[in-house]
Amino acid sequence: MAQALRPNSKTVGSLFATDHKPHPLQDTLLAVTLVLGVTAFVTAMFHSLHLLSSWTGLVGILTGAAGQFVSVTTRERFGLILGLGASGVGFFLGMAHGGLFGGVIG
């Protein structure tokens, strides 16, 4: 009876559970994507910083996609999705404000 009331230790906190193994590549891609995403998102709020926001957004999207491809745990995927979303918003707003080349071409 006591075991029936005890929560399963494998399901408690499983949203961010890791497999208790090091993942240096995945953690690096996660950190880079989050930093690039925040940078792209914040700089997209300023019209004159469209070059920075569009380039950091594009690189953040690429690193986030690579991170999603090799991610192992839900924690990694959750952070990558946040970074990808911020990178995407920064990229598209940067493109709307002037693009990747800032009017150099054309």
PDB file of N, CA and C in Angstrom:
ATOM      1  N   MET A   1       0.816  -1.189   0.000  1.00  0.00           N
ATOM      2  CA  MET A   1       0.000   0.000   0.000  1.00  0.00           C
ATOM      3  C   MET A   1       0.864   1.260   0.000  1.00  0.00           C
ATOM      4  N   ALA A   2       1.938   1.234   0.772  1.00  0.00           N
ATOM      5  CA  ALA A   2       2.791   2.418   0.843  1.00  0.00           C
ATOM      6  C   ALA A   2       3.483   2.674  -0.493  1.00  0.00           C
ATOM      7  N   GLN A   3       3.807   1.630  -1.214  1.00  0.00           N
ATOM      8  CA  GLN A   3       4.459   1.816  -2.502  1.00  0.00           C
ATOM      9  C   GLN A   3       3.499   2.372  -3.546  1.00  0.00           C
ATOM     10  N   ALA A   4       2.248   2.089  -3.436  1.00  0.00           N
ATOM     11  CA  ALA A   4       1.275   2.585  -4.395  1.00  0.00           C
ATOM     12  C   ALA A   4       1.106   4.105  -4.278  1.00  0.00           C
ATOM     13  N   LEU A   5       1.325   4.669  -3.104  1.00  0.00           N
ATOM     14  CA  LEU A   5       1.171   6.095  -2.901  1.00  0.00           C
ATOM     15  C   LEU A   5       2.452   6.873  -3.195  1.00  0.00           C
ATOM     16  N   ARG A   6       3.569   6.186  -3.261  1.00  0.00           N
ATOM     17  CA  ARG A   6       4.845   6.850  -3.501  1.00  0.00           C
ATOM     18  C   ARG A   6       4.982   7.169  -4.987  1.00  0.00           C
ATOM     19  N   PRO A   7       5.320   8.413  -5.324  1.00  0.00           N
ATOM     20  CA  PRO A   7       5.474   8.749  -6.743  1.00  0.00           C
ATOM     21  C   PRO A   7       6.661   8.018  -7.352  1.00  0.00           C
ATOM     22  N   ASN A   8       6.523   7.737  -8.596  1.00  0.00           N
ATOM     23  CA  ASN A   8       7.594   7.068  -9.321  1.00  0.00           C
ATOM     24  C   ASN A   8       8.757   8.033  -9.473  1.00  0.00           C
ATOM     25  N   SER A   9       9.933   7.642  -9.032  1.00  0.00           N
ATOM     26  CA  SER A   9      11.075   8.546  -9.039  1.00  0.00           C
ATOM     27  C   SER A   9      11.548   8.853 -10.459  1.00  0.00           C
ATOM     28  N   LYS A  10      11.202   8.029 -11.422  1.00  0.00           N
ATOM     29  CA  LYS A  10      11.621   8.283 -12.795  1.00  0.00           C
ATOM     30  C   LYS A  10      10.761   9.347 -13.473  1.00  0.00           C
ATOM     31  N   THR A  11       9.527   9.515 -13.039  1.00  0.00           N
ATOM     32  CA  THR A  11       8.653  10.485 -13.692  1.00  0.00           C
ATOM     33  C   THR A  11       8.656  11.839 -12.995  1.00  0.00           C
ATOM     34  N   VAL A  12       9.051  11.903 -11.743  1.00  0.00           N
ATOM     35  CA  VAL A  12       9.073  13.176 -11.031  1.00  0.00           C
ATOM     36  C   VAL A  12      10.213  14.014 -11.569  1.00  0.00           C
ATOM     37  N   GLY A  13       9.893  15.202 -12.067  1.00  0.00           N
ATOM     38  CA  GLY A  13      10.909  16.095 -12.611  1.00  0.00           C
ATOM     39  C   GLY A  13      11.469  15.623 -13.935  1.00  0.00           C
ATOM     40  N   SER A  14      10.721  14.828 -14.672  1.00  0.00           N
ATOM     41  CA  SER A  14      11.262  14.266 -15.907  1.00  0.00           C
ATOM     42  C   SER A  14      11.311  15.271 -17.049  1.00  0.00           C
ATOM     43  N   LEU A  15      10.664  16.426 -16.892  1.00  0.00           N
ATOM     44  CA  LEU A  15      10.684  17.408 -17.966  1.00  0.00           C
ATOM     45  C   LEU A  15      12.105  17.872 -18.259  1.00  0.00           C
ATOM     46  N   PHE A  16      12.895  18.105 -17.214  1.00  0.00           N
ATOM     47  CA  PHE A  16      14.255  18.561 -17.396  1.00  0.00           C
ATOM     48  C   PHE A  16      15.271  17.508 -16.983  1.00  0.00           C
ATOM     49  N   ALA A  17      14.848  16.271 -16.880  1.00  0.00           N
ATOM     50  CA  ALA A  17      15.753  15.218 -16.441  1.00  0.00           C
ATOM     51  C   ALA A  17      16.838  14.985 -17.477  1.00  0.00           C
ATOM     52  N   THR A  18      18.016  14.733 -16.975  1.00  0.00           N
ATOM     53  CA  THR A  18      19.122  14.396 -17.858  1.00  0.00           C
ATOM     54  C   THR A  18      19.443  12.936 -17.684  1.00  0.00           C
ATOM     55  N   ASP A  19      20.281  12.440 -18.510  1.00  0.00           N
ATOM     56  CA  ASP A  19      20.703  11.055 -18.379  1.00  0.00           C
ATOM     57  C   ASP A  19      21.979  10.937 -17.545  1.00  0.00           C
ATOM     58  N   HIS A  20      22.362  12.016 -16.877  1.00  0.00           N
ATOM     59  CA  HIS A  20      23.520  12.067 -15.980  1.00  0.00           C
ATOM     60  C   HIS A  20      24.812  11.716 -16.695  1.00  0.00           C
ATOM     61  N   LYS A  21      24.902  12.076 -17.946  1.00  0.00           N
ATOM     62  CA  LYS A  21      26.120  11.909 -18.727  1.00  0.00           C
ATOM     63  C   LYS A  21      26.513  13.273 -19.281  1.00  0.00           C
ATOM     64  N   PRO A  22      27.802  13.515 -19.455  1.00  0.00           N
ATOM     65  CA  PRO A  22      28.207  14.808 -20.015  1.00  0.00           C
ATOM     66  C   PRO A  22      27.909  14.881 -21.516  1.00  0.00           C
ATOM     67  N   HIS A  23      27.449  16.044 -21.942  1.00  0.00           N
ATOM     68  CA  HIS A  23      27.176  16.301 -23.358  1.00  0.00           C
ATOM     69  C   HIS A  23      27.827  17.628 -23.736  1.00  0.00           C
ATOM     70  N   PRO A  24      29.135  17.654 -23.906  1.00  0.00           N
ATOM     71  CA  PRO A  24      29.804  18.946 -24.146  1.00  0.00           C
ATOM     72  C   PRO A  24      29.401  19.605 -25.454  1.00  0.00           C
ATOM     73  N   LEU A  25      29.232  18.861 -26.526  1.00  0.00           N
ATOM     74  CA  LEU A  25      28.835  19.452 -27.801  1.00  0.00           C
ATOM     75  C   LEU A  25      27.434  20.047 -27.710  1.00  0.00           C
ATOM     76  N   GLN A  26      26.509  19.293 -27.155  1.00  0.00           N
ATOM     77  CA  GLN A  26      25.135  19.756 -27.050  1.00  0.00           C
ATOM     78  C   GLN A  26      25.024  20.965 -26.127  1.00  0.00           C
ATOM     79  N   ASP A  27      25.762  20.943 -25.013  1.00  0.00           N
ATOM     80  CA  ASP A  27      25.717  22.074 -24.091  1.00  0.00           C
ATOM     81  C   ASP A  27      26.335  23.323 -24.712  1.00  0.00           C
ATOM     82  N   THR A  28      27.386  23.147 -25.510  1.00  0.00           N
ATOM     83  CA  THR A  28      27.994  24.290 -26.188  1.00  0.00           C
ATOM     84  C   THR A  28      27.035  24.884 -27.204  1.00  0.00           C
ATOM     85  N   LEU A  29      26.392  24.031 -28.004  1.00  0.00           N
ATOM     86  CA  LEU A  29      25.424  24.523 -28.979  1.00  0.00           C
ATOM     87  C   LEU A  29      24.248  25.212 -28.286  1.00  0.00           C
ATOM     88  N   LEU A  30      23.832  24.688 -27.156  1.00  0.00           N
ATOM     89  CA  LEU A  30      22.746  25.298 -26.386  1.00  0.00           C
ATOM     90  C   LEU A  30      23.146  26.689 -25.904  1.00  0.00           C
ATOM     91  N   ALA A  31      24.326  26.805 -25.324  1.00  0.00           N
ATOM     92  CA  ALA A  31      24.772  28.101 -24.800  1.00  0.00           C
ATOM     93  C   ALA A  31      24.951  29.120 -25.930  1.00  0.00           C
ATOM     94  N   VAL A  32      25.553  28.695 -27.037  1.00  0.00           N
ATOM     95  CA  VAL A  32      25.770  29.612 -28.160  1.00  0.00           C
ATOM     96  C   VAL A  32      24.438  30.065 -28.742  1.00  0.00           C
ATOM     97  N   THR A  33      23.496  29.145 -28.887  1.00  0.00           N
ATOM     98  CA  THR A  33      22.180  29.493 -29.432  1.00  0.00           C
ATOM     99  C   THR A  33      21.446  30.463 -28.523  1.00  0.00           C
ATOM    100  N   LEU A  34      21.509  30.238 -27.218  1.00  0.00           N
ATOM    101  CA  LEU A  34      20.834  31.150 -26.298  1.00  0.00           C
ATOM    102  C   LEU A  34      21.457  32.540 -26.314  1.00  0.00           C
ATOM    103  N   VAL A  35      22.780  32.612 -26.328  1.00  0.00           N
ATOM    104  CA  VAL A  35      23.446  33.921 -26.353  1.00  0.00           C
ATOM    105  C   VAL A  35      23.137  34.655 -27.660  1.00  0.00           C
ATOM    106  N   LEU A  36      23.229  33.947 -28.777  1.00  0.00           N
ATOM    107  CA  LEU A  36      22.922  34.572 -30.060  1.00  0.00           C
ATOM    108  C   LEU A  36      21.452  34.977 -30.141  1.00  0.00           C
ATOM    109  N   GLY A  37      20.569  34.158 -29.606  1.00  0.00           N
ATOM    110  CA  GLY A  37      19.145  34.474 -29.629  1.00  0.00           C
ATOM    111  C   GLY A  37      18.814  35.712 -28.822  1.00  0.00           C
ATOM    112  N   VAL A  38      19.376  35.806 -27.625  1.00  0.00           N
ATOM    113  CA  VAL A  38      19.129  36.991 -26.794  1.00  0.00           C
ATOM    114  C   VAL A  38      19.716  38.230 -27.461  1.00  0.00           C
ATOM    115  N   THR A  39      20.920  38.106 -28.022  1.00  0.00           N
ATOM    116  CA  THR A  39      21.542  39.239 -28.696  1.00  0.00           C
ATOM    117  C   THR A  39      20.706  39.689 -29.893  1.00  0.00           C
ATOM    118  N   ALA A  40      20.260  38.737 -30.704  1.00  0.00           N
ATOM    119  CA  ALA A  40      19.458  39.077 -31.873  1.00  0.00           C
ATOM    120  C   ALA A  40      18.134  39.704 -31.468  1.00  0.00           C
ATOM    121  N   PHE A  41      17.512  39.157 -30.447  1.00  0.00           N
ATOM    122  CA  PHE A  41      16.219  39.666 -30.004  1.00  0.00           C
ATOM    123  C   PHE A  41      16.336  41.088 -29.467  1.00  0.00           C
ATOM    124  N   VAL A  42      17.329  41.331 -28.630  1.00  0.00           N
ATOM    125  CA  VAL A  42      17.476  42.658 -28.023  1.00  0.00           C
ATOM    126  C   VAL A  42      17.882  43.689 -29.067  1.00  0.00           C
ATOM    127  N   THR A  43      18.829  43.343 -29.939  1.00  0.00           N
ATOM    128  CA  THR A  43      19.275  44.321 -30.929  1.00  0.00           C
ATOM    129  C   THR A  43      18.230  44.562 -32.014  1.00  0.00           C
ATOM    130  N   ALA A  44      17.285  43.658 -32.177  1.00  0.00           N
ATOM    131  CA  ALA A  44      16.224  43.861 -33.170  1.00  0.00           C
ATOM    132  C   ALA A  44      15.286  44.988 -32.772  1.00  0.00           C
ATOM    133  N   MET A  45      15.307  45.389 -31.521  1.00  0.00           N
ATOM    134  CA  MET A  45      14.445  46.476 -31.071  1.00  0.00           C
ATOM    135  C   MET A  45      14.972  47.843 -31.489  1.00  0.00           C
ATOM    136  N   PHE A  46      16.198  47.876 -32.010  1.00  0.00           N
ATOM    137  CA  PHE A  46      16.814  49.126 -32.433  1.00  0.00           C
ATOM    138  C   PHE A  46      17.025  49.082 -33.941  1.00  0.00           C
ATOM    139  N   HIS A  47      16.411  50.001 -34.637  1.00  0.00           N
ATOM    140  CA  HIS A  47      16.425  50.009 -36.101  1.00  0.00           C
ATOM    141  C   HIS A  47      17.845  50.079 -36.654  1.00  0.00           C
ATOM    142  N   SER A  48      18.712  50.827 -36.013  1.00  0.00           N
ATOM    143  CA  SER A  48      20.065  51.021 -36.537  1.00  0.00           C
ATOM    144  C   SER A  48      20.962  49.797 -36.338  1.00  0.00           C
ATOM    145  N   LEU A  49      20.552  48.830 -35.554  1.00  0.00           N
ATOM    146  CA  LEU A  49      21.357  47.634 -35.304  1.00  0.00           C
ATOM    147  C   LEU A  49      20.881  46.441 -36.124  1.00  0.00           C
ATOM    148  N   HIS A  50      20.283  46.708 -37.281  1.00  0.00           N
ATOM    149  CA  HIS A  50      19.715  45.622 -38.072  1.00  0.00           C
ATOM    150  C   HIS A  50      20.778  44.647 -38.580  1.00  0.00           C
ATOM    151  N   LEU A  51      21.989  45.128 -38.853  1.00  0.00           N
ATOM    152  CA  LEU A  51      23.038  44.208 -39.293  1.00  0.00           C
ATOM    153  C   LEU A  51      23.378  43.197 -38.199  1.00  0.00           C
ATOM    154  N   LEU A  52      23.545  43.687 -36.978  1.00  0.00           N
ATOM    155  CA  LEU A  52      23.865  42.796 -35.864  1.00  0.00           C
ATOM    156  C   LEU A  52      22.726  41.825 -35.591  1.00  0.00           C
ATOM    157  N   SER A  53      21.498  42.316 -35.578  1.00  0.00           N
ATOM    158  CA  SER A  53      20.370  41.437 -35.265  1.00  0.00           C
ATOM    159  C   SER A  53      20.124  40.408 -36.357  1.00  0.00           C
ATOM    160  N   SER A  54      20.280  40.784 -37.615  1.00  0.00           N
ATOM    161  CA  SER A  54      20.027  39.817 -38.685  1.00  0.00           C
ATOM    162  C   SER A  54      21.128  38.752 -38.748  1.00  0.00           C
ATOM    163  N   TRP A  55      22.380  39.148 -38.582  1.00  0.00           N
ATOM    164  CA  TRP A  55      23.459  38.153 -38.639  1.00  0.00           C
ATOM    165  C   TRP A  55      23.471  37.239 -37.415  1.00  0.00           C
ATOM    166  N   THR A  56      23.298  37.813 -36.219  1.00  0.00           N
ATOM    167  CA  THR A  56      23.265  36.951 -35.031  1.00  0.00           C
ATOM    168  C   THR A  56      22.033  36.058 -35.053  1.00  0.00           C
ATOM    169  N   GLY A  57      20.934  36.559 -35.580  1.00  0.00           N
ATOM    170  CA  GLY A  57      19.741  35.723 -35.713  1.00  0.00           C
ATOM    171  C   GLY A  57      19.959  34.569 -36.670  1.00  0.00           C
ATOM    172  N   LEU A  58      20.596  34.845 -37.805  1.00  0.00           N
ATOM    173  CA  LEU A  58      20.858  33.781 -38.781  1.00  0.00           C
ATOM    174  C   LEU A  58      21.797  32.721 -38.216  1.00  0.00           C
ATOM    175  N   VAL A  59      22.872  33.149 -37.582  1.00  0.00           N
ATOM    176  CA  VAL A  59      23.810  32.184 -36.999  1.00  0.00           C
ATOM    177  C   VAL A  59      23.145  31.431 -35.846  1.00  0.00           C
ATOM    178  N   GLY A  60      22.313  32.123 -35.065  1.00  0.00           N
ATOM    179  CA  GLY A  60      21.583  31.463 -33.984  1.00  0.00           C
ATOM    180  C   GLY A  60      20.614  30.411 -34.493  1.00  0.00           C
ATOM    181  N   ILE A  61      19.969  30.685 -35.616  1.00  0.00           N
ATOM    182  CA  ILE A  61      19.067  29.695 -36.215  1.00  0.00           C
ATOM    183  C   ILE A  61      19.858  28.473 -36.665  1.00  0.00           C
ATOM    184  N   LEU A  62      21.006  28.692 -37.274  1.00  0.00           N
ATOM    185  CA  LEU A  62      21.824  27.571 -37.754  1.00  0.00           C
ATOM    186  C   LEU A  62      22.383  26.733 -36.596  1.00  0.00           C
ATOM    187  N   THR A  63      22.886  27.393 -35.545  1.00  0.00           N
ATOM    188  CA  THR A  63      23.407  26.632 -34.407  1.00  0.00           C
ATOM    189  C   THR A  63      22.274  25.938 -33.652  1.00  0.00           C
ATOM    190  N   GLY A  64      21.125  26.576 -33.576  1.00  0.00           N
ATOM    191  CA  GLY A  64      19.984  25.939 -32.927  1.00  0.00           C
ATOM    192  C   GLY A  64      19.492  24.719 -33.686  1.00  0.00           C
ATOM    193  N   ALA A  65      19.483  24.809 -35.009  1.00  0.00           N
ATOM    194  CA  ALA A  65      19.082  23.651 -35.815  1.00  0.00           C
ATOM    195  C   ALA A  65      20.077  22.510 -35.662  1.00  0.00           C
ATOM    196  N   ALA A  66      21.360  22.837 -35.640  1.00  0.00           N
ATOM    197  CA  ALA A  66      22.371  21.797 -35.429  1.00  0.00           C
ATOM    198  C   ALA A  66      22.232  21.198 -34.037  1.00  0.00           C
ATOM    199  N   GLY A  67      21.946  22.031 -33.056  1.00  0.00           N
ATOM    200  CA  GLY A  67      21.745  21.535 -31.698  1.00  0.00           C
ATOM    201  C   GLY A  67      20.536  20.637 -31.577  1.00  0.00           C
ATOM    202  N   GLN A  68      19.453  20.981 -32.259  1.00  0.00           N
ATOM    203  CA  GLN A  68      18.267  20.126 -32.248  1.00  0.00           C
ATOM    204  C   GLN A  68      18.573  18.773 -32.885  1.00  0.00           C
ATOM    205  N   PHE A  69      19.412  18.791 -33.887  1.00  0.00           N
ATOM    206  CA  PHE A  69      19.749  17.557 -34.593  1.00  0.00           C
ATOM    207  C   PHE A  69      20.512  16.586 -33.699  1.00  0.00           C
ATOM    208  N   VAL A  70      21.375  17.109 -32.813  1.00  0.00           N
ATOM    209  CA  VAL A  70      22.204  16.236 -31.984  1.00  0.00           C
ATOM    210  C   VAL A  70      21.784  16.202 -30.521  1.00  0.00           C
ATOM    211  N   SER A  71      20.707  16.899 -30.152  1.00  0.00           N
ATOM    212  CA  SER A  71      20.311  16.965 -28.743  1.00  0.00           C
ATOM    213  C   SER A  71      19.870  15.598 -28.235  1.00  0.00           C
ATOM    214  N   VAL A  72      20.086  15.396 -26.933  1.00  0.00           N
ATOM    215  CA  VAL A  72      19.805  14.105 -26.321  1.00  0.00           C
ATOM    216  C   VAL A  72      18.693  14.214 -25.288  1.00  0.00           C
ATOM    217  N   THR A  73      18.685  15.285 -24.505  1.00  0.00           N
ATOM    218  CA  THR A  73      17.733  15.394 -23.409  1.00  0.00           C
ATOM    219  C   THR A  73      16.687  16.472 -23.685  1.00  0.00           C
ATOM    220  N   THR A  74      15.618  16.424 -22.943  1.00  0.00           N
ATOM    221  CA  THR A  74      14.553  17.408 -23.061  1.00  0.00           C
ATOM    222  C   THR A  74      15.031  18.783 -22.610  1.00  0.00           C
ATOM    223  N   ARG A  75      15.902  18.829 -21.615  1.00  0.00           N
ATOM    224  CA  ARG A  75      16.461  20.096 -21.151  1.00  0.00           C
ATOM    225  C   ARG A  75      17.172  20.816 -22.287  1.00  0.00           C
ATOM    226  N   GLU A  76      17.953  20.084 -23.051  1.00  0.00           N
ATOM    227  CA  GLU A  76      18.660  20.683 -24.179  1.00  0.00           C
ATOM    228  C   GLU A  76      17.681  21.176 -25.234  1.00  0.00           C
ATOM    229  N   ARG A  77      16.690  20.377 -25.548  1.00  0.00           N
ATOM    230  CA  ARG A  77      15.719  20.757 -26.575  1.00  0.00           C
ATOM    231  C   ARG A  77      14.908  21.970 -26.153  1.00  0.00           C
ATOM    232  N   PHE A  78      14.554  22.051 -24.876  1.00  0.00           N
ATOM    233  CA  PHE A  78      13.779  23.182 -24.371  1.00  0.00           C
ATOM    234  C   PHE A  78      14.566  24.482 -24.528  1.00  0.00           C
ATOM    235  N   GLY A  79      15.810  24.483 -24.100  1.00  0.00           N
ATOM    236  CA  GLY A  79      16.645  25.674 -24.239  1.00  0.00           C
ATOM    237  C   GLY A  79      16.910  26.033 -25.686  1.00  0.00           C
ATOM    238  N   LEU A  80      17.097  25.021 -26.522  1.00  0.00           N
ATOM    239  CA  LEU A  80      17.333  25.280 -27.941  1.00  0.00           C
ATOM    240  C   LEU A  80      16.121  25.910 -28.608  1.00  0.00           C
ATOM    241  N   ILE A  81      14.931  25.478 -28.237  1.00  0.00           N
ATOM    242  CA  ILE A  81      13.721  26.062 -28.812  1.00  0.00           C
ATOM    243  C   ILE A  81      13.577  27.523 -28.391  1.00  0.00           C
ATOM    244  N   LEU A  82      13.913  27.838 -27.139  1.00  0.00           N
ATOM    245  CA  LEU A  82      13.867  29.237 -26.710  1.00  0.00           C
ATOM    246  C   LEU A  82      14.869  30.070 -27.500  1.00  0.00           C
ATOM    247  N   GLY A  83      16.081  29.559 -27.664  1.00  0.00           N
ATOM    248  CA  GLY A  83      17.092  30.276 -28.431  1.00  0.00           C
ATOM    249  C   GLY A  83      16.729  30.397 -29.894  1.00  0.00           C
ATOM    250  N   LEU A  84      16.157  29.343 -30.456  1.00  0.00           N
ATOM    251  CA  LEU A  84      15.720  29.391 -31.855  1.00  0.00           C
ATOM    252  C   LEU A  84      14.617  30.425 -32.062  1.00  0.00           C
ATOM    253  N   GLY A  85      13.683  30.474 -31.147  1.00  0.00           N
ATOM    254  CA  GLY A  85      12.597  31.452 -31.262  1.00  0.00           C
ATOM    255  C   GLY A  85      13.107  32.875 -31.190  1.00  0.00           C
ATOM    256  N   ALA A  86      13.989  33.151 -30.235  1.00  0.00           N
ATOM    257  CA  ALA A  86      14.553  34.493 -30.108  1.00  0.00           C
ATOM    258  C   ALA A  86      15.412  34.835 -31.318  1.00  0.00           C
ATOM    259  N   SER A  87      16.172  33.862 -31.817  1.00  0.00           N
ATOM    260  CA  SER A  87      16.989  34.096 -33.011  1.00  0.00           C
ATOM    261  C   SER A  87      16.117  34.373 -34.219  1.00  0.00           C
ATOM    262  N   GLY A  88      15.026  33.641 -34.352  1.00  0.00           N
ATOM    263  CA  GLY A  88      14.122  33.841 -35.474  1.00  0.00           C
ATOM    264  C   GLY A  88      13.479  35.218 -35.451  1.00  0.00           C
ATOM    265  N   VAL A  89      13.021  35.640 -34.286  1.00  0.00           N
ATOM    266  CA  VAL A  89      12.415  36.971 -34.170  1.00  0.00           C
ATOM    267  C   VAL A  89      13.452  38.039 -34.488  1.00  0.00           C
ATOM    268  N   GLY A  90      14.649  37.896 -33.927  1.00  0.00           N
ATOM    269  CA  GLY A  90      15.707  38.865 -34.201  1.00  0.00           C
ATOM    270  C   GLY A  90      16.104  38.895 -35.661  1.00  0.00           C
ATOM    271  N   PHE A  91      16.186  37.711 -36.269  1.00  0.00           N
ATOM    272  CA  PHE A  91      16.546  37.636 -37.681  1.00  0.00           C
ATOM    273  C   PHE A  91      15.499  38.316 -38.559  1.00  0.00           C
ATOM    274  N   PHE A  92      14.240  37.996 -38.358  1.00  0.00           N
ATOM    275  CA  PHE A  92      13.197  38.556 -39.211  1.00  0.00           C
ATOM    276  C   PHE A  92      13.011  40.056 -38.995  1.00  0.00           C
ATOM    277  N   LEU A  93      13.126  40.524 -37.763  1.00  0.00           N
ATOM    278  CA  LEU A  93      13.033  41.966 -37.540  1.00  0.00           C
ATOM    279  C   LEU A  93      14.257  42.683 -38.104  1.00  0.00           C
ATOM    280  N   GLY A  94      15.415  42.056 -37.996  1.00  0.00           N
ATOM    281  CA  GLY A  94      16.611  42.640 -38.615  1.00  0.00           C
ATOM    282  C   GLY A  94      16.489  42.711 -40.121  1.00  0.00           C
ATOM    283  N   MET A  95      15.905  41.679 -40.723  1.00  0.00           N
ATOM    284  CA  MET A  95      15.682  41.692 -42.171  1.00  0.00           C
ATOM    285  C   MET A  95      14.672  42.783 -42.547  1.00  0.00           C
ATOM    286  N   ALA A  96      13.655  42.977 -41.735  1.00  0.00           N
ATOM    287  CA  ALA A  96      12.657  43.998 -42.015  1.00  0.00           C
ATOM    288  C   ALA A  96      13.233  45.412 -41.886  1.00  0.00           C
ATOM    289  N   HIS A  97      14.236  45.562 -41.035  1.00  0.00           N
ATOM    290  CA  HIS A  97      14.827  46.888 -40.817  1.00  0.00           C
ATOM    291  C   HIS A  97      15.944  47.208 -41.792  1.00  0.00           C
ATOM    292  N   GLY A  98      16.372  46.266 -42.599  1.00  0.00           N
ATOM    293  CA  GLY A  98      17.424  46.607 -43.541  1.00  0.00           C
ATOM    294  C   GLY A  98      18.199  45.426 -44.079  1.00  0.00           C
ATOM    295  N   GLY A  99      18.060  44.284 -43.472  1.00  0.00           N
ATOM    296  CA  GLY A  99      18.662  43.091 -44.017  1.00  0.00           C
ATOM    297  C   GLY A  99      20.077  42.790 -43.580  1.00  0.00           C
ATOM    298  N   LEU A 100      20.640  41.786 -44.236  1.00  0.00           N
ATOM    299  CA  LEU A 100      21.951  41.284 -43.876  1.00  0.00           C
ATOM    300  C   LEU A 100      23.095  42.156 -44.362  1.00  0.00           C
ATOM    301  N   PHE A 101      22.882  42.888 -45.435  1.00  0.00           N
ATOM    302  CA  PHE A 101      23.980  43.661 -46.027  1.00  0.00           C
ATOM    303  C   PHE A 101      23.799  45.160 -45.858  1.00  0.00           C
ATOM    304  N   GLY A 102      22.711  45.601 -45.302  1.00  0.00           N
ATOM    305  CA  GLY A 102      22.512  46.993 -44.961  1.00  0.00           C
ATOM    306  C   GLY A 102      22.472  47.949 -46.121  1.00  0.00           C
ATOM    307  N   GLY A 103      21.945  47.529 -47.246  1.00  0.00           N
ATOM    308  CA  GLY A 103      21.824  48.403 -48.394  1.00  0.00           C
ATOM    309  C   GLY A 103      23.091  48.524 -49.226  1.00  0.00           C
ATOM    310  N   VAL A 104      24.099  47.675 -48.947  1.00  0.00           N
ATOM    311  CA  VAL A 104      25.344  47.720 -49.719  1.00  0.00           C
ATOM    312  C   VAL A 104      25.120  47.196 -51.129  1.00  0.00           C
ATOM    313  N   ILE A 105      24.313  46.150 -51.225  1.00  0.00           N
ATOM    314  CA  ILE A 105      24.022  45.556 -52.519  1.00  0.00           C
ATOM    315  C   ILE A 105      22.782  46.238 -53.110  1.00  0.00           C
ATOM    316  N   GLY A 106      22.870  46.635 -54.358  1.00  0.00           N
ATOM    317  CA  GLY A 106      21.708  47.191 -55.038  1.00  0.00           C
ATOM    318  C   GLY A 106      21.595  48.598 -54.821  1.00  0.00           C
TER     319      GLY A 106
END
